[in-house]
Amino acid sequence: MESFRRHWQRYLVQFGLAVGGLVIAWTIRQTNGLVLMETYQFLSKPFQPNFSSQEVIRDAKFKELQYRLTELENQNQQFQKILGEKPIIAGSGTWSAIIGRSAGSWWQQIIIGRGSSDGIKPGAIAVGAGGLVGRVTDVSPHSSRVLLISDPTNQVGVIVSRTRFMGILRGKSQNLGIIEFFDRDTDAKRGDIIATSPFSKLYPAGIPIGRIRSVNLDKQPAPEAIVEFTVPISLIEFVQVYPKQ
């Protein structure tokens, strides 16, 4: 008996460690490693970057929208090939810097540093980062004049992407325009996306223009809507010019 007691005391620590190891292994197996993962998260938390959950979620949503947009663009290109349709803007664009703006017509027209010697012709479409800027009206060998969509004299046929209702857009100020709809029941809402109309003779269809800020349903004979341009007309420094189709 005395011999068994001494033997037990001698191997008690090893036996306890073995039992403890078996318990830990069984716990990890039953919880699929959850306890180990939580322990790791707790110990490594002081060394992890300090990102808030809202920032992480916002970044994830932004990436999701980018991926969805890329997929939709790829699908649209495939559909255009199947239907034999041309892309929204055909040909290769020519980048140009804005070299002149008149103080009296700051949001009516701009002068760009490309002209007929660069292949620019009247009627060419000027696009900025985000959407339509205007169209070329006058050309010299080394410069061109662009009539902006923010000019009240410039009329652009537009369509509401969500409802497909159409109207005419005229410039109102630097970054705003006003749409006069053709139909009384337009179902236009704040936040709707506006693009160039498929029936426009001056602009290719589908070029983004802006987003509806407000709608006046009481306007006669048809509702009107205020549109905030996608491109900051008053701040642009470069445009991309495409030949008229």
C-alpha atoms as a PDB file:
ATOM      1  CA  MET A   1       0.000   0.000   0.000  1.00  0.00           C
ATOM      2  CA  GLU A   2       2.795   2.349   0.919  1.00  0.00           C
ATOM      3  CA  SER A   3       4.474   1.545  -2.375  1.00  0.00           C
ATOM      4  CA  PHE A   4       1.273   2.376  -4.344  1.00  0.00           C
ATOM      5  CA  ARG A   5       0.911   5.674  -2.488  1.00  0.00           C
ATOM      6  CA  ARG A   6       4.484   6.696  -3.295  1.00  0.00           C
ATOM      7  CA  HIS A   7       3.978   5.653  -6.910  1.00  0.00           C
ATOM      8  CA  TRP A   8       0.745   7.710  -7.127  1.00  0.00           C
ATOM      9  CA  GLN A   9       2.368  10.803  -5.637  1.00  0.00           C
ATOM     10  CA  ARG A  10       5.269  10.433  -8.034  1.00  0.00           C
ATOM     11  CA  TYR A  11       3.072  10.382 -11.173  1.00  0.00           C
ATOM     12  CA  LEU A  12       0.210  12.567  -9.895  1.00  0.00           C
ATOM     13  CA  VAL A  13       1.386  15.651 -11.810  1.00  0.00           C
ATOM     14  CA  GLN A  14       1.821  13.762 -15.073  1.00  0.00           C
ATOM     15  CA  PHE A  15      -1.592  12.161 -14.669  1.00  0.00           C
ATOM     16  CA  GLY A  16      -3.196  15.535 -13.982  1.00  0.00           C
ATOM     17  CA  LEU A  17      -1.573  17.055 -17.059  1.00  0.00           C
ATOM     18  CA  ALA A  18      -2.716  14.155 -19.193  1.00  0.00           C
ATOM     19  CA  VAL A  19      -6.291  14.429 -17.933  1.00  0.00           C
ATOM     20  CA  GLY A  20      -6.217  18.202 -18.414  1.00  0.00           C
ATOM     21  CA  GLY A  21      -4.930  17.784 -21.968  1.00  0.00           C
ATOM     22  CA  LEU A  22      -7.692  15.293 -22.754  1.00  0.00           C
ATOM     23  CA  VAL A  23     -10.338  17.666 -21.344  1.00  0.00           C
ATOM     24  CA  ILE A  24      -8.980  20.591 -23.385  1.00  0.00           C
ATOM     25  CA  ALA A  25      -8.824  18.478 -26.551  1.00  0.00           C
ATOM     26  CA  TRP A  26     -12.397  17.243 -25.987  1.00  0.00           C
ATOM     27  CA  THR A  27     -13.610  20.827 -25.377  1.00  0.00           C
ATOM     28  CA  ILE A  28     -11.937  22.114 -28.553  1.00  0.00           C
ATOM     29  CA  ARG A  29     -13.447  19.269 -30.553  1.00  0.00           C
ATOM     30  CA  GLN A  30     -16.947  19.813 -29.159  1.00  0.00           C
ATOM     31  CA  THR A  31     -16.881  23.590 -29.763  1.00  0.00           C
ATOM     32  CA  ASN A  32     -15.100  23.384 -33.141  1.00  0.00           C
ATOM     33  CA  GLY A  33     -12.243  25.467 -31.798  1.00  0.00           C
ATOM     34  CA  LEU A  34     -14.469  28.346 -30.687  1.00  0.00           C
ATOM     35  CA  VAL A  35     -12.837  28.638 -27.255  1.00  0.00           C
ATOM     36  CA  LEU A  36      -9.375  28.678 -28.804  1.00  0.00           C
ATOM     37  CA  MET A  37     -10.430  31.312 -31.331  1.00  0.00           C
ATOM     38  CA  GLU A  38     -11.977  33.551 -28.674  1.00  0.00           C
ATOM     39  CA  THR A  39      -8.842  33.231 -26.560  1.00  0.00           C
ATOM     40  CA  TYR A  40      -6.701  34.205 -29.528  1.00  0.00           C
ATOM     41  CA  GLN A  41      -8.951  37.182 -30.291  1.00  0.00           C
ATOM     42  CA  PHE A  42      -8.760  38.353 -26.681  1.00  0.00           C
ATOM     43  CA  LEU A  43      -4.957  38.094 -26.507  1.00  0.00           C
ATOM     44  CA  SER A  44      -4.341  39.660 -29.931  1.00  0.00           C
ATOM     45  CA  LYS A  45      -6.914  42.465 -29.648  1.00  0.00           C
ATOM     46  CA  PRO A  46      -4.429  45.071 -28.256  1.00  0.00           C
ATOM     47  CA  PHE A  47      -2.211  44.513 -31.309  1.00  0.00           C
ATOM     48  CA  GLN A  48      -4.951  44.707 -33.946  1.00  0.00           C
ATOM     49  CA  PRO A  49      -5.669  47.935 -35.947  1.00  0.00           C
ATOM     50  CA  ASN A  50      -8.282  50.130 -34.344  1.00  0.00           C
ATOM     51  CA  PHE A  51     -11.097  49.907 -36.923  1.00  0.00           C
ATOM     52  CA  SER A  52     -14.674  50.512 -35.921  1.00  0.00           C
ATOM     53  CA  SER A  53     -17.293  47.999 -36.974  1.00  0.00           C
ATOM     54  CA  GLN A  54     -19.107  50.691 -38.975  1.00  0.00           C
ATOM     55  CA  GLU A  55     -15.977  51.406 -41.031  1.00  0.00           C
ATOM     56  CA  VAL A  56     -15.500  47.728 -41.774  1.00  0.00           C
ATOM     57  CA  ILE A  57     -19.143  47.303 -42.798  1.00  0.00           C
ATOM     58  CA  ARG A  58     -19.059  50.440 -44.943  1.00  0.00           C
ATOM     59  CA  ASP A  59     -15.884  49.295 -46.690  1.00  0.00           C
ATOM     60  CA  ALA A  60     -17.385  45.850 -47.312  1.00  0.00           C
ATOM     61  CA  LYS A  61     -20.562  47.361 -48.793  1.00  0.00           C
ATOM     62  CA  PHE A  62     -18.498  49.654 -51.028  1.00  0.00           C
ATOM     63  CA  LYS A  63     -16.505  46.697 -52.349  1.00  0.00           C
ATOM     64  CA  GLU A  64     -19.720  44.755 -52.914  1.00  0.00           C
ATOM     65  CA  LEU A  65     -21.144  47.615 -54.988  1.00  0.00           C
ATOM     66  CA  GLN A  66     -17.935  47.787 -57.012  1.00  0.00           C
ATOM     67  CA  TYR A  67     -18.073  44.066 -57.754  1.00  0.00           C
ATOM     68  CA  ARG A  68     -21.763  44.262 -58.693  1.00  0.00           C
ATOM     69  CA  LEU A  69     -21.108  47.239 -60.975  1.00  0.00           C
ATOM     70  CA  THR A  70     -18.272  45.390 -62.711  1.00  0.00           C
ATOM     71  CA  GLU A  71     -20.480  42.333 -63.198  1.00  0.00           C
ATOM     72  CA  LEU A  72     -23.351  44.434 -64.582  1.00  0.00           C
ATOM     73  CA  GLU A  73     -21.006  46.198 -66.997  1.00  0.00           C
ATOM     74  CA  ASN A  74     -19.685  42.864 -68.233  1.00  0.00           C
ATOM     75  CA  GLN A  75     -23.232  41.550 -68.693  1.00  0.00           C
ATOM     76  CA  ASN A  76     -24.232  44.725 -70.524  1.00  0.00           C
ATOM     77  CA  GLN A  77     -21.316  44.344 -72.933  1.00  0.00           C
ATOM     78  CA  GLN A  78     -22.339  40.752 -73.631  1.00  0.00           C
ATOM     79  CA  PHE A  79     -25.945  41.799 -74.291  1.00  0.00           C
ATOM     80  CA  GLN A  80     -24.783  44.568 -76.630  1.00  0.00           C
ATOM     81  CA  LYS A  81     -22.756  42.031 -78.614  1.00  0.00           C
ATOM     82  CA  ILE A  82     -25.723  39.668 -78.831  1.00  0.00           C
ATOM     83  CA  LEU A  83     -28.124  42.426 -79.917  1.00  0.00           C
ATOM     84  CA  GLY A  84     -25.597  44.056 -82.211  1.00  0.00           C
ATOM     85  CA  GLU A  85     -25.840  47.398 -80.413  1.00  0.00           C
ATOM     86  CA  LYS A  86     -23.077  49.955 -80.151  1.00  0.00           C
ATOM     87  CA  PRO A  87     -21.588  50.952 -76.778  1.00  0.00           C
ATOM     88  CA  ILE A  88     -22.887  54.089 -75.062  1.00  0.00           C
ATOM     89  CA  ILE A  89     -19.976  56.155 -76.401  1.00  0.00           C
ATOM     90  CA  ALA A  90     -18.264  54.873 -79.526  1.00  0.00           C
ATOM     91  CA  GLY A  91     -14.648  55.508 -80.416  1.00  0.00           C
ATOM     92  CA  SER A  92     -11.742  56.519 -78.238  1.00  0.00           C
ATOM     93  CA  GLY A  93     -11.937  59.692 -76.216  1.00  0.00           C
ATOM     94  CA  THR A  94      -9.411  62.530 -76.276  1.00  0.00           C
ATOM     95  CA  TRP A  95      -8.384  63.957 -72.927  1.00  0.00           C
ATOM     96  CA  SER A  96      -8.087  67.704 -72.735  1.00  0.00           C
ATOM     97  CA  ALA A  97      -7.402  70.292 -70.078  1.00  0.00           C
ATOM     98  CA  ILE A  98      -9.748  73.228 -69.574  1.00  0.00           C
ATOM     99  CA  ILE A  99      -7.771  76.319 -70.529  1.00  0.00           C
ATOM    100  CA  GLY A 100     -10.384  79.039 -70.302  1.00  0.00           C
ATOM    101  CA  ARG A 101     -13.551  80.099 -68.493  1.00  0.00           C
ATOM    102  CA  SER A 102     -15.220  83.482 -68.625  1.00  0.00           C
ATOM    103  CA  ALA A 103     -16.173  85.050 -65.321  1.00  0.00           C
ATOM    104  CA  GLY A 104     -19.489  86.098 -66.834  1.00  0.00           C
ATOM    105  CA  SER A 105     -20.264  82.605 -68.153  1.00  0.00           C
ATOM    106  CA  TRP A 106     -18.474  80.381 -65.649  1.00  0.00           C
ATOM    107  CA  TRP A 107     -21.152  77.704 -65.692  1.00  0.00           C
ATOM    108  CA  GLN A 108     -22.257  78.209 -69.297  1.00  0.00           C
ATOM    109  CA  GLN A 109     -19.207  77.314 -71.370  1.00  0.00           C
ATOM    110  CA  ILE A 110     -15.547  76.305 -71.182  1.00  0.00           C
ATOM    111  CA  ILE A 111     -12.562  76.395 -73.525  1.00  0.00           C
ATOM    112  CA  ILE A 112     -10.498  73.218 -73.874  1.00  0.00           C
ATOM    113  CA  GLY A 113      -6.952  72.898 -75.204  1.00  0.00           C
ATOM    114  CA  ARG A 114      -7.804  70.604 -78.131  1.00  0.00           C
ATOM    115  CA  GLY A 115      -9.031  71.600 -81.578  1.00  0.00           C
ATOM    116  CA  SER A 116      -9.416  70.549 -85.183  1.00  0.00           C
ATOM    117  CA  SER A 117      -5.734  69.629 -85.382  1.00  0.00           C
ATOM    118  CA  ASP A 118      -6.488  66.972 -82.740  1.00  0.00           C
ATOM    119  CA  GLY A 119      -9.513  65.629 -84.602  1.00  0.00           C
ATOM    120  CA  ILE A 120     -12.123  67.551 -82.582  1.00  0.00           C
ATOM    121  CA  LYS A 121     -15.257  68.514 -84.520  1.00  0.00           C
ATOM    122  CA  PRO A 122     -18.433  70.435 -83.622  1.00  0.00           C
ATOM    123  CA  GLY A 123     -20.976  68.210 -81.940  1.00  0.00           C
ATOM    124  CA  ALA A 124     -18.375  66.129 -80.092  1.00  0.00           C
ATOM    125  CA  ILE A 125     -19.405  65.020 -76.600  1.00  0.00           C
ATOM    126  CA  ALA A 126     -17.485  66.174 -73.521  1.00  0.00           C
ATOM    127  CA  VAL A 127     -17.560  63.816 -70.534  1.00  0.00           C
ATOM    128  CA  GLY A 128     -16.028  64.297 -67.096  1.00  0.00           C
ATOM    129  CA  ALA A 129     -15.378  62.024 -64.160  1.00  0.00           C
ATOM    130  CA  GLY A 130     -18.895  60.887 -63.352  1.00  0.00           C
ATOM    131  CA  GLY A 131     -20.967  61.821 -66.360  1.00  0.00           C
ATOM    132  CA  LEU A 132     -21.904  64.286 -69.084  1.00  0.00           C
ATOM    133  CA  VAL A 133     -20.327  67.753 -69.197  1.00  0.00           C
ATOM    134  CA  GLY A 134     -21.579  69.176 -72.498  1.00  0.00           C
ATOM    135  CA  ARG A 135     -20.941  69.294 -76.243  1.00  0.00           C
ATOM    136  CA  VAL A 136     -18.489  71.076 -78.511  1.00  0.00           C
ATOM    137  CA  THR A 137     -20.037  74.002 -80.389  1.00  0.00           C
ATOM    138  CA  ASP A 138     -17.053  75.846 -81.932  1.00  0.00           C
ATOM    139  CA  VAL A 139     -13.647  74.580 -82.980  1.00  0.00           C
ATOM    140  CA  SER A 140     -10.371  76.275 -83.868  1.00  0.00           C
ATOM    141  CA  PRO A 141      -7.101  74.546 -84.771  1.00  0.00           C
ATOM    142  CA  HIS A 142      -5.879  74.331 -81.174  1.00  0.00           C
ATOM    143  CA  SER A 143      -8.913  74.938 -78.950  1.00  0.00           C
ATOM    144  CA  SER A 144     -12.627  74.258 -78.727  1.00  0.00           C
ATOM    145  CA  ARG A 145     -15.628  75.776 -77.004  1.00  0.00           C
ATOM    146  CA  VAL A 146     -17.873  73.453 -74.974  1.00  0.00           C
ATOM    147  CA  LEU A 147     -21.469  74.357 -74.145  1.00  0.00           C
ATOM    148  CA  LEU A 148     -22.090  73.030 -70.627  1.00  0.00           C
ATOM    149  CA  ILE A 149     -25.224  71.177 -69.551  1.00  0.00           C
ATOM    150  CA  SER A 150     -25.552  73.786 -66.794  1.00  0.00           C
ATOM    151  CA  ASP A 151     -26.243  76.488 -69.434  1.00  0.00           C
ATOM    152  CA  PRO A 152     -29.987  77.362 -69.524  1.00  0.00           C
ATOM    153  CA  THR A 153     -29.855  77.484 -73.341  1.00  0.00           C
ATOM    154  CA  ASN A 154     -28.570  73.918 -73.589  1.00  0.00           C
ATOM    155  CA  GLN A 155     -31.389  71.369 -73.907  1.00  0.00           C
ATOM    156  CA  VAL A 156     -30.665  67.700 -73.186  1.00  0.00           C
ATOM    157  CA  GLY A 157     -33.126  64.871 -73.703  1.00  0.00           C
ATOM    158  CA  VAL A 158     -33.084  62.781 -70.538  1.00  0.00           C
ATOM    159  CA  ILE A 159     -34.669  59.675 -69.064  1.00  0.00           C
ATOM    160  CA  VAL A 160     -35.329  58.508 -65.501  1.00  0.00           C
ATOM    161  CA  SER A 161     -33.450  55.210 -65.189  1.00  0.00           C
ATOM    162  CA  ARG A 162     -35.939  53.659 -62.749  1.00  0.00           C
ATOM    163  CA  THR A 163     -39.227  54.502 -64.474  1.00  0.00           C
ATOM    164  CA  ARG A 164     -38.055  55.226 -68.070  1.00  0.00           C
ATOM    165  CA  PHE A 165     -40.075  58.457 -68.194  1.00  0.00           C
ATOM    166  CA  MET A 166     -38.492  61.176 -70.323  1.00  0.00           C
ATOM    167  CA  GLY A 167     -38.157  64.919 -70.370  1.00  0.00           C
ATOM    168  CA  ILE A 168     -35.980  67.890 -71.319  1.00  0.00           C
ATOM    169  CA  LEU A 169     -33.218  69.106 -69.015  1.00  0.00           C
ATOM    170  CA  ARG A 170     -31.999  72.701 -68.937  1.00  0.00           C
ATOM    171  CA  GLY A 171     -29.249  74.200 -66.846  1.00  0.00           C
ATOM    172  CA  LYS A 172     -30.205  76.137 -63.746  1.00  0.00           C
ATOM    173  CA  SER A 173     -26.929  76.920 -61.962  1.00  0.00           C
ATOM    174  CA  GLN A 174     -23.394  75.626 -61.567  1.00  0.00           C
ATOM    175  CA  ASN A 175     -24.307  72.148 -60.386  1.00  0.00           C
ATOM    176  CA  LEU A 176     -28.069  72.012 -60.861  1.00  0.00           C
ATOM    177  CA  GLY A 177     -30.472  71.485 -63.734  1.00  0.00           C
ATOM    178  CA  ILE A 178     -34.243  71.367 -64.115  1.00  0.00           C
ATOM    179  CA  ILE A 179     -36.237  68.692 -65.965  1.00  0.00           C
ATOM    180  CA  GLU A 180     -39.543  69.381 -67.684  1.00  0.00           C
ATOM    181  CA  PHE A 181     -41.255  66.000 -68.049  1.00  0.00           C
ATOM    182  CA  PHE A 182     -43.391  65.073 -71.040  1.00  0.00           C
ATOM    183  CA  ASP A 183     -45.976  63.098 -69.032  1.00  0.00           C
ATOM    184  CA  ARG A 184     -48.125  64.141 -66.112  1.00  0.00           C
ATOM    185  CA  ASP A 185     -47.665  60.862 -64.240  1.00  0.00           C
ATOM    186  CA  THR A 186     -43.882  60.519 -64.129  1.00  0.00           C
ATOM    187  CA  ASP A 187     -43.462  58.701 -60.813  1.00  0.00           C
ATOM    188  CA  ALA A 188     -40.153  60.531 -60.368  1.00  0.00           C
ATOM    189  CA  LYS A 189     -38.701  60.491 -56.854  1.00  0.00           C
ATOM    190  CA  ARG A 190     -35.830  62.040 -54.968  1.00  0.00           C
ATOM    191  CA  GLY A 191     -32.681  60.009 -55.598  1.00  0.00           C
ATOM    192  CA  ASP A 192     -33.658  58.728 -59.061  1.00  0.00           C
ATOM    193  CA  ILE A 193     -30.781  58.516 -61.536  1.00  0.00           C
ATOM    194  CA  ILE A 194     -30.987  60.654 -64.697  1.00  0.00           C
ATOM    195  CA  ALA A 195     -29.250  59.763 -67.969  1.00  0.00           C
ATOM    196  CA  THR A 196     -29.354  60.902 -71.582  1.00  0.00           C
ATOM    197  CA  SER A 197     -32.408  59.741 -73.516  1.00  0.00           C
ATOM    198  CA  PRO A 198     -32.328  57.031 -76.220  1.00  0.00           C
ATOM    199  CA  PHE A 199     -34.150  59.503 -78.494  1.00  0.00           C
ATOM    200  CA  SER A 200     -31.653  62.332 -78.108  1.00  0.00           C
ATOM    201  CA  LYS A 201     -30.138  63.522 -81.393  1.00  0.00           C
ATOM    202  CA  LEU A 202     -27.317  65.487 -79.782  1.00  0.00           C
ATOM    203  CA  TYR A 203     -26.051  63.011 -77.180  1.00  0.00           C
ATOM    204  CA  PRO A 204     -25.574  59.234 -77.077  1.00  0.00           C
ATOM    205  CA  ALA A 205     -28.074  57.385 -74.897  1.00  0.00           C
ATOM    206  CA  GLY A 206     -27.287  56.257 -71.384  1.00  0.00           C
ATOM    207  CA  ILE A 207     -24.667  58.811 -70.307  1.00  0.00           C
ATOM    208  CA  PRO A 208     -25.122  59.574 -66.579  1.00  0.00           C
ATOM    209  CA  ILE A 209     -26.118  63.147 -65.813  1.00  0.00           C
ATOM    210  CA  GLY A 210     -27.145  63.333 -62.178  1.00  0.00           C
ATOM    211  CA  ARG A 211     -29.612  62.503 -59.461  1.00  0.00           C
ATOM    212  CA  ILE A 212     -33.006  64.045 -58.695  1.00  0.00           C
ATOM    213  CA  ARG A 213     -32.898  66.324 -55.663  1.00  0.00           C
ATOM    214  CA  SER A 214     -36.579  67.329 -55.563  1.00  0.00           C
ATOM    215  CA  VAL A 215     -39.795  67.004 -57.592  1.00  0.00           C
ATOM    216  CA  ASN A 216     -42.539  69.601 -58.092  1.00  0.00           C
ATOM    217  CA  LEU A 217     -45.706  67.616 -58.857  1.00  0.00           C
ATOM    218  CA  ASP A 218     -47.892  70.751 -58.890  1.00  0.00           C
ATOM    219  CA  LYS A 219     -46.131  72.287 -61.871  1.00  0.00           C
ATOM    220  CA  GLN A 220     -48.349  72.671 -64.949  1.00  0.00           C
ATOM    221  CA  PRO A 221     -48.743  71.200 -67.499  1.00  0.00           C
ATOM    222  CA  ALA A 222     -46.318  68.503 -66.258  1.00  0.00           C
ATOM    223  CA  PRO A 223     -44.132  68.004 -63.181  1.00  0.00           C
ATOM    224  CA  GLU A 224     -40.615  69.385 -62.915  1.00  0.00           C
ATOM    225  CA  ALA A 225     -37.595  68.051 -61.067  1.00  0.00           C
ATOM    226  CA  ILE A 226     -34.370  69.607 -59.823  1.00  0.00           C
ATOM    227  CA  VAL A 227     -31.317  67.524 -60.731  1.00  0.00           C
ATOM    228  CA  GLU A 228     -27.920  67.651 -59.081  1.00  0.00           C
ATOM    229  CA  PHE A 229     -25.234  66.947 -61.681  1.00  0.00           C
ATOM    230  CA  THR A 230     -22.877  64.044 -61.104  1.00  0.00           C
ATOM    231  CA  VAL A 231     -19.922  66.013 -62.440  1.00  0.00           C
ATOM    232  CA  PRO A 232     -19.034  69.112 -60.369  1.00  0.00           C
ATOM    233  CA  ILE A 233     -19.314  71.544 -63.275  1.00  0.00           C
ATOM    234  CA  SER A 234     -17.773  74.445 -61.376  1.00  0.00           C
ATOM    235  CA  LEU A 235     -14.680  72.459 -60.363  1.00  0.00           C
ATOM    236  CA  ILE A 236     -13.731  70.292 -63.349  1.00  0.00           C
ATOM    237  CA  GLU A 237     -10.242  70.733 -64.832  1.00  0.00           C
ATOM    238  CA  PHE A 238     -10.157  67.975 -67.461  1.00  0.00           C
ATOM    239  CA  VAL A 239     -12.686  66.441 -69.854  1.00  0.00           C
ATOM    240  CA  GLN A 240     -12.691  63.540 -72.272  1.00  0.00           C
ATOM    241  CA  VAL A 241     -14.026  64.363 -75.733  1.00  0.00           C
ATOM    242  CA  TYR A 242     -15.731  61.740 -77.930  1.00  0.00           C
ATOM    243  CA  PRO A 243     -16.688  62.213 -81.586  1.00  0.00           C
ATOM    244  CA  LYS A 244     -20.367  62.638 -82.381  1.00  0.00           C
ATOM    245  CA  GLN A 245     -21.983  59.384 -83.441  1.00  0.00           C
END
